[in-house]
């Protein structure tokens, strides 16, 4: 159980990516073919909405990290919409 520090959550796995890079990565994961590009964008938007919803909203000692996570994923959503 001491290996928990090696587990990467999708909520915090963005440390080395910009919101735009994460947006492109998500859309490509849902479908790279041109004919399915718009559907891939919609799937990526749904995934980002689910991630945002999964971030705890109640007050905690991790408020700064939580706000940072929410802000990052909101920016990812905006970048997906621009693609």
Protein backbone atom coordinates (compact mmCIF):
# COMPACT_ATOMS: atom_id res chain seq x y z
CA UNK A 1 0.00 0.00 0.00
CA UNK A 2 2.98 2.33 0.21
CA UNK A 3 2.94 2.61 -3.58
CA UNK A 4 -0.02 5.01 -3.55
CA UNK A 5 2.28 7.89 -4.46
CA UNK A 6 2.84 6.20 -7.84
CA UNK A 7 -0.87 6.24 -8.72
CA UNK A 8 -1.79 9.13 -11.00
CA UNK A 9 -5.31 10.48 -10.87
CA UNK A 10 -6.84 12.02 -14.02
CA UNK A 11 -7.51 15.08 -11.88
CA UNK A 12 -3.83 15.70 -11.16
CA UNK A 13 -2.24 14.07 -14.20
CA UNK A 14 -1.99 17.40 -16.02
CA UNK A 15 1.08 18.75 -14.26
CA UNK A 16 3.30 18.63 -17.35
CA UNK A 17 0.69 19.67 -19.92
CA UNK A 18 -0.90 22.93 -20.93
CA UNK A 19 -4.70 23.04 -21.17
CA UNK A 20 -4.40 23.12 -24.98
CA UNK A 21 -2.12 20.06 -25.04
CA UNK A 22 -4.54 18.18 -22.78
CA UNK A 23 -7.49 19.21 -24.96
CA UNK A 24 -5.79 17.90 -28.11
CA UNK A 25 -4.79 14.68 -26.34
CA UNK A 26 -8.35 14.02 -25.15
CA UNK A 27 -9.94 14.67 -28.55
CA UNK A 28 -7.42 12.38 -30.23
CA UNK A 29 -8.08 9.64 -27.68
CA UNK A 30 -11.77 9.70 -28.60
CA UNK A 31 -11.20 9.45 -32.36
CA UNK A 32 -8.57 10.70 -34.74
CA UNK A 33 -10.46 10.06 -37.98
CA UNK A 34 -11.70 13.26 -39.62
CA UNK A 35 -15.24 11.96 -40.09
CA UNK A 36 -15.57 11.45 -36.33
CA UNK A 37 -13.75 14.60 -35.21
CA UNK A 38 -16.84 16.50 -34.01
CA UNK A 39 -18.08 13.44 -32.13
CA UNK A 40 -14.63 13.05 -30.55
CA UNK A 41 -14.82 16.68 -29.39
CA UNK A 42 -18.24 16.07 -27.85
CA UNK A 43 -16.97 12.96 -26.04
CA UNK A 44 -13.95 14.86 -24.74
CA UNK A 45 -16.23 17.65 -23.49
CA UNK A 46 -18.39 15.11 -21.67
CA UNK A 47 -15.28 13.57 -20.10
CA UNK A 48 -14.03 16.97 -18.92
CA UNK A 49 -17.45 17.79 -17.46
CA UNK A 50 -17.34 14.49 -15.55
CA UNK A 51 -13.84 15.26 -14.24
CA UNK A 52 -14.94 18.72 -13.08
CA UNK A 53 -17.99 17.20 -11.37
CA UNK A 54 -15.79 14.62 -9.60
CA UNK A 55 -13.64 17.27 -7.91
CA UNK A 56 -14.90 17.63 -4.32
CA UNK A 57 -16.70 20.91 -3.74
CA UNK A 58 -16.87 20.88 0.06
CA UNK A 59 -14.34 22.96 2.01
CA UNK A 60 -11.12 21.16 2.81
CA UNK A 61 -7.45 21.77 3.46
CA UNK A 62 -6.84 21.20 -0.24
CA UNK A 63 -8.78 24.24 -1.39
CA UNK A 64 -5.94 25.75 -3.44
CA UNK A 65 -5.24 22.48 -5.26
CA UNK A 66 -8.95 21.91 -5.83
CA UNK A 67 -9.45 25.39 -7.29
CA UNK A 68 -6.34 24.92 -9.44
CA UNK A 69 -7.71 21.61 -10.73
CA UNK A 70 -11.08 23.10 -11.56
CA UNK A 71 -9.48 26.06 -13.34
CA UNK A 72 -7.23 23.75 -15.38
CA UNK A 73 -10.14 21.58 -16.53
CA UNK A 74 -12.30 24.60 -17.36
CA UNK A 75 -9.45 25.85 -19.56
CA UNK A 76 -9.17 22.39 -21.17
CA UNK A 77 -12.89 22.56 -21.94
CA UNK A 78 -12.47 25.98 -23.54
CA UNK A 79 -9.58 24.71 -25.65
CA UNK A 80 -11.61 21.70 -26.84
CA UNK A 81 -14.39 24.05 -27.89
CA UNK A 82 -11.87 26.07 -29.96
CA UNK A 83 -10.59 23.00 -31.84
